[in-house]
Protein backbone atom coordinates (compact mmCIF):
# COMPACT_ATOMS: atom_id res chain seq x y z
CA MET A 1 23.09 13.51 -16.69
CA SER A 2 26.09 11.67 -16.94
CA MET A 3 26.20 8.42 -19.36
CA ALA A 4 26.49 5.79 -16.45
CA VAL A 5 23.22 7.33 -14.80
CA MET A 6 21.17 7.19 -17.82
CA LYS A 7 22.66 3.50 -18.29
CA LYS A 8 21.42 2.52 -15.06
CA GLN A 9 18.23 3.94 -15.54
CA LEU A 10 17.87 1.95 -18.48
CA ILE A 11 18.75 -1.19 -17.23
CA THR A 12 16.25 -0.49 -14.30
CA SER A 13 13.58 0.51 -16.28
CA PHE A 14 13.91 -2.39 -18.23
CA LEU A 15 13.70 -4.98 -15.39
CA ARG A 16 10.86 -3.17 -14.35
CA LYS A 17 9.01 -3.63 -17.44
CA PHE A 18 9.15 -7.36 -17.61
CA LYS A 19 8.91 -7.57 -13.65
CA ILE A 20 12.18 -9.30 -12.77
CA LEU A 21 13.54 -6.79 -10.67
CA HIS A 22 12.92 -8.49 -7.59
CA LEU A 23 14.99 -11.30 -9.02
CA ALA A 24 17.53 -8.47 -9.74
CA ASP A 25 17.48 -7.27 -6.51
CA LYS A 26 17.71 -10.88 -4.80
CA THR A 27 21.19 -11.47 -6.77
CA ARG A 28 22.27 -7.88 -5.50
CA PHE A 29 21.33 -9.51 -1.90
CA TYR A 30 23.61 -12.23 -2.38
CA ILE A 31 26.51 -10.35 -4.07
CA GLN A 32 26.82 -8.09 -0.77
CA LYS A 33 26.35 -11.27 1.38
CA TYR A 34 29.54 -12.38 -0.22
CA LYS A 35 31.57 -9.11 -0.53
CA ASN A 36 30.61 -8.55 3.26
CA ASN A 37 31.47 -11.84 4.37
CA LYS A 38 34.73 -11.18 6.04
CA ALA A 39 33.76 -8.09 7.21
CA ASN A 40 30.67 -9.37 8.80
CA LYS A 41 32.34 -12.38 10.38
CA LYS A 42 35.00 -10.13 12.28
CA PHE A 43 32.12 -7.95 13.46
CA LYS A 44 30.54 -11.17 15.06
CA ALA A 45 33.68 -12.31 16.77
CA GLU A 46 34.45 -8.92 18.01
CA HIS A 47 30.81 -8.08 19.22
CA PRO A 48 29.19 -11.60 20.17
CA GLU A 49 26.90 -9.80 22.52
CA VAL A 50 24.92 -7.94 19.70
CA LYS A 51 21.79 -9.69 18.61
CA LEU A 52 21.72 -9.57 14.80
CA PRO A 53 18.61 -10.11 12.76
CA PRO A 54 18.83 -12.67 9.66
CA ASP A 55 20.69 -11.04 7.07
CA TYR A 56 17.92 -10.73 4.28
CA LEU A 57 16.12 -8.43 6.72
CA ILE A 58 19.27 -6.39 7.46
CA TYR A 59 19.79 -6.16 3.52
CA GLU A 60 16.15 -5.26 3.12
CA SER A 61 16.18 -2.34 5.50
CA PHE A 62 19.73 -0.97 4.91
CA GLN A 63 22.74 -2.55 3.80
CA LEU A 64 24.29 -6.19 4.48
CA ASN A 65 27.15 -5.03 6.99
CA TYR A 66 26.75 -5.36 10.48
CA HIS A 67 29.16 -2.62 11.30
CA LYS A 68 26.78 -0.19 9.35
CA TYR A 69 23.41 -1.83 10.97
CA TYR A 70 24.54 -1.73 14.30
CA VAL A 71 27.65 0.93 14.82
CA GLN A 72 26.77 3.48 12.15
CA SER A 73 23.00 3.26 12.91
CA LYS A 74 23.58 4.04 16.78
CA GLU A 75 25.08 7.43 15.65
CA ALA A 76 22.30 7.73 13.20
CA ALA A 77 19.70 7.41 16.37
CA ARG A 78 21.99 10.02 18.33
CA LYS A 79 21.75 12.38 15.33
CA LEU A 80 17.97 12.06 15.52
CA VAL A 81 17.70 12.51 18.86
CA ARG A 82 19.37 15.47 18.73
CA HIS A 83 16.83 16.67 15.94
CA PHE A 84 13.71 15.83 18.20
CA SER A 85 15.48 17.82 21.26
CA LYS A 86 15.41 21.04 19.17
CA HIS A 87 11.72 20.93 19.60
CA ILE A 88 10.37 18.88 22.35
CA ASP A 89 11.99 17.84 25.85
CA LEU A 90 12.51 14.20 25.61
CA LYS A 91 11.00 13.18 29.25
CA ASP A 92 8.06 10.88 29.71
CA LYS A 93 7.54 10.76 26.01
CA LYS A 94 5.77 8.27 23.79
CA ILE A 95 8.38 7.65 20.51
CA LEU A 96 7.03 5.40 17.46
CA ASP A 97 9.54 4.15 14.84
CA TRP A 98 7.02 3.98 11.51
CA GLY A 99 8.53 1.39 9.19
CA CYS A 100 10.96 0.25 11.98
CA GLY A 101 12.13 -2.79 10.01
CA PRO A 102 14.55 -5.07 12.02
CA GLY A 103 15.02 -2.49 14.73
CA ARG A 104 18.15 -0.60 13.48
CA ILE A 105 17.53 2.98 14.66
CA ILE A 106 14.84 2.33 17.71
CA ARG A 107 16.75 -0.54 19.26
CA HIS A 108 19.45 2.15 20.45
CA PHE A 109 16.91 4.55 22.15
CA PRO A 110 16.20 3.10 25.41
CA GLU A 111 20.15 3.58 26.03
CA ILE A 112 20.22 6.87 24.18
CA VAL A 113 17.13 8.57 25.36
CA GLY A 114 16.12 6.85 28.51
CA ASN A 115 14.61 9.65 30.74
CA GLY A 116 11.52 7.89 31.42
CA CYS A 117 10.62 7.42 27.79
CA SER A 118 8.58 4.71 26.44
CA TYR A 119 9.38 3.00 22.88
CA TYR A 120 7.07 1.49 19.75
CA GLY A 121 7.83 0.00 16.75
CA THR A 122 5.51 -0.62 13.80
CA ASP A 123 6.54 -2.62 10.58
CA TYR A 124 4.42 -4.66 7.78
CA ASN A 125 7.31 -7.09 7.58
CA VAL A 126 6.17 -9.96 9.61
CA ARG A 127 9.39 -11.64 10.13
CA SER A 128 10.98 -7.97 10.98
CA ILE A 129 8.31 -7.74 13.62
CA ASN A 130 8.56 -11.32 14.92
CA TRP A 131 12.47 -11.01 14.96
CA CYS A 132 12.03 -7.49 16.99
CA SER A 133 9.77 -8.80 19.32
CA HIS A 134 11.72 -11.59 20.34
CA ASN A 135 15.11 -9.88 20.53
CA LEU A 136 14.52 -5.97 21.66
CA LYS A 137 12.28 -6.69 24.52
CA GLU A 138 12.49 -2.95 25.94
CA ILE A 139 10.45 -2.06 22.84
CA SER A 140 6.83 -2.60 21.93
CA PHE A 141 6.24 -4.08 18.23
CA ASN A 142 3.01 -4.10 16.15
CA LYS A 143 2.76 -5.41 12.66
CA ASN A 144 0.89 -3.65 10.28
CA THR A 145 -0.22 -3.68 6.92
CA LEU A 146 0.19 -1.66 3.50
CA GLU A 147 -3.29 -0.42 4.67
CA ALA A 148 -3.11 2.87 6.54
CA SER A 149 -4.11 1.80 9.99
CA LEU A 150 -2.31 1.49 13.63
CA PRO A 151 -3.75 0.08 16.95
CA TYR A 152 -3.23 3.10 19.00
CA ASP A 153 -5.65 5.42 20.29
CA ASP A 154 -5.78 9.22 19.16
CA ASN A 155 -3.41 11.61 20.19
CA PHE A 156 -0.95 8.78 21.38
CA PHE A 157 2.71 9.80 20.27
CA ASP A 158 4.76 12.65 21.26
CA VAL A 159 7.09 11.71 18.37
CA ILE A 160 6.95 9.83 15.45
CA TYR A 161 9.48 9.32 12.79
CA GLY A 162 9.95 7.17 9.54
CA LEU A 163 12.87 7.09 8.05
CA SER A 164 12.59 6.05 3.98
CA ILE A 165 9.25 4.84 4.23
CA PHE A 166 7.35 7.67 1.96
CA THR A 167 9.87 6.65 -0.38
CA HIS A 168 8.47 3.44 -0.95
CA LEU A 169 4.79 4.37 -1.07
CA SER A 170 1.91 5.72 -3.87
CA GLU A 171 0.49 9.20 -3.70
CA GLU A 172 -2.42 7.28 -2.32
CA MET A 173 -0.60 5.84 0.78
CA HIS A 174 1.07 9.16 1.22
CA ASN A 175 -2.09 10.95 1.89
CA HIS A 176 -3.59 7.91 3.85
CA TRP A 177 -1.06 6.95 6.09
CA TYR A 178 -0.24 10.72 6.96
CA ASP A 179 -3.61 11.17 8.11
CA GLU A 180 -2.92 8.13 10.10
CA LEU A 181 0.12 9.07 11.58
CA TYR A 182 -1.29 12.32 12.50
CA ARG A 183 -4.39 10.87 14.17
CA VAL A 184 -2.21 8.93 16.88
CA LEU A 185 0.23 12.29 16.96
CA LYS A 186 -0.66 14.22 20.12
CA PRO A 187 -1.30 18.10 19.81
CA GLN A 188 2.29 19.88 19.89
CA GLY A 189 3.74 16.41 19.16
CA ILE A 190 6.54 16.23 16.50
CA MET A 191 6.93 14.10 13.64
CA LEU A 192 10.17 13.19 11.22
CA LEU A 193 9.95 11.58 7.88
CA THR A 194 12.59 11.66 5.06
CA THR A 195 12.11 11.91 1.49
CA GLN A 196 14.11 12.03 -1.58
CA GLY A 197 14.19 15.67 -2.94
CA ASP A 198 16.03 17.81 -5.02
CA THR A 199 19.38 15.80 -4.22
CA TYR A 200 18.07 13.14 -6.49
CA LYS A 201 17.13 15.28 -9.23
CA PRO A 202 20.22 13.62 -10.83
CA LYS A 203 18.73 10.22 -10.92
CA MET A 204 15.62 10.96 -12.61
CA THR A 205 14.77 10.68 -16.18
CA PRO A 206 13.71 13.49 -18.06
CA VAL A 207 9.92 12.57 -18.09
CA GLU A 208 10.31 12.11 -14.14
CA LEU A 209 12.02 15.48 -13.83
CA ASP A 210 9.54 17.53 -15.78
CA LEU A 211 6.89 15.99 -13.50
CA TYR A 212 8.66 16.58 -10.16
CA ASN A 213 9.44 20.18 -11.01
CA LYS A 214 6.01 20.64 -11.75
CA GLY A 215 5.42 19.54 -8.09
CA GLN A 216 4.18 16.17 -8.51
CA LEU A 217 5.16 12.94 -6.88
CA VAL A 218 7.40 10.82 -8.80
CA VAL A 219 6.60 7.04 -8.54
CA ARG A 220 8.62 4.37 -10.00
CA GLY A 221 6.44 1.10 -9.41
CA LYS A 222 5.54 -1.90 -11.05
CA VAL A 223 6.94 -3.98 -7.94
CA LYS A 224 4.93 -4.46 -4.70
CA GLU A 225 4.44 -1.51 -2.77
CA GLY A 226 6.21 -0.96 0.22
CA HIS A 227 9.11 -2.79 -0.75
CA ARG A 228 12.58 -1.39 -1.31
CA ILE A 229 12.65 -1.48 -5.02
CA PHE A 230 9.44 0.71 -5.18
CA SER A 231 10.55 4.08 -5.19
CA ALA A 232 9.10 7.85 -4.70
CA PHE A 233 10.44 10.85 -4.96
CA GLN A 234 8.74 14.05 -3.50
CA PRO A 235 9.23 17.90 -4.56
CA LYS A 236 8.98 20.60 -1.79
CA ARG A 237 5.70 21.48 -3.30
CA PHE A 238 4.28 18.17 -2.57
CA MET A 239 5.42 17.99 1.10
CA GLU A 240 4.43 21.14 1.98
CA THR A 241 0.78 20.40 0.47
CA LEU A 242 0.93 17.00 2.52
CA PHE A 243 1.85 18.86 5.89
CA SER A 244 -0.54 22.08 5.46
CA ASN A 245 -2.74 20.65 8.52
CA ALA A 246 0.41 20.83 10.71
CA THR A 247 3.43 23.44 11.20
CA ILE A 248 6.55 22.75 9.29
CA VAL A 249 9.42 23.26 12.03
CA ASP A 250 12.33 22.12 9.89
CA HIS A 251 13.38 21.05 6.29
CA ILE A 252 16.99 20.06 6.29
CA GLU A 253 18.72 19.42 2.70
CA LEU A 254 22.05 18.10 2.13
CA SER A 255 24.06 18.00 -0.93
CA ALA A 256 25.46 14.45 -2.65
CA VAL A 257 28.70 13.22 -1.24
CA GLY A 258 30.18 11.22 -4.14
CA LYS A 259 27.70 8.40 -4.80
CA TRP A 260 25.81 9.01 -1.23
CA TYR A 261 22.46 10.94 -1.99
CA PRO A 262 21.02 11.99 1.42
CA GLN A 263 17.38 12.22 1.99
CA ASP A 264 15.42 15.16 2.86
CA LYS A 265 14.42 15.50 6.66
CA TRP A 266 10.95 17.25 7.52
CA ILE A 267 10.03 17.72 10.91
CA ILE A 268 6.50 19.20 11.51
CA LYS A 269 4.44 19.86 14.61
CA LYS A 270 1.03 19.12 15.33
């Protein structure tokens, strides 16, 4: 572990301990807003037709960079569709974005997928859901709570995906939410979920790494569960146990590139 990583972990642990990590995160938002101001103004001038959520909603779900939010996320949506298509025929299917935030990915699906499919998004952030409902009319949105409860019938969806949602939940919520998602997934339907796996080992403290290597979920809490600064790391053994009632059809791991640490992708079939 490098000295820079250790120093960052010590600072973060201090901020968590004294419950001022939210304040630090808010400060980081304003720094990003300032640094990206010129590029974001240019994007808006060049793409006046693109509806953009309020800045803090973009920051909460990703990065405060309009190009990345819209253009790079469109490419990310295409990659997801390619993953789905390996395991299911995307025709006349119901697709759910669990933890959709301000619609970063699901907004592109009507154009990319088409083919008679219908699209749904659910999130616990009322501001994100209100914005999505008013601006992304081709998609049906629902506000959920942190409690694992969705207003859909059993066996309703053909495809469910959640990008960096388990990464902000406790072990109890991993179990409850997986059960609820499994309930609303059709037999032979697929679910894609991302996690912070082995790639994130260099970011862990020795104590965290010991728990992780024993197959235990590692959680950095002391902040609001579900928020971007609540963090969880998922070893393979933990995920394999969680998915024991389904078939794991793919587990995709990528290596870190510079400061980019890709999350694992797990694809299961009911």
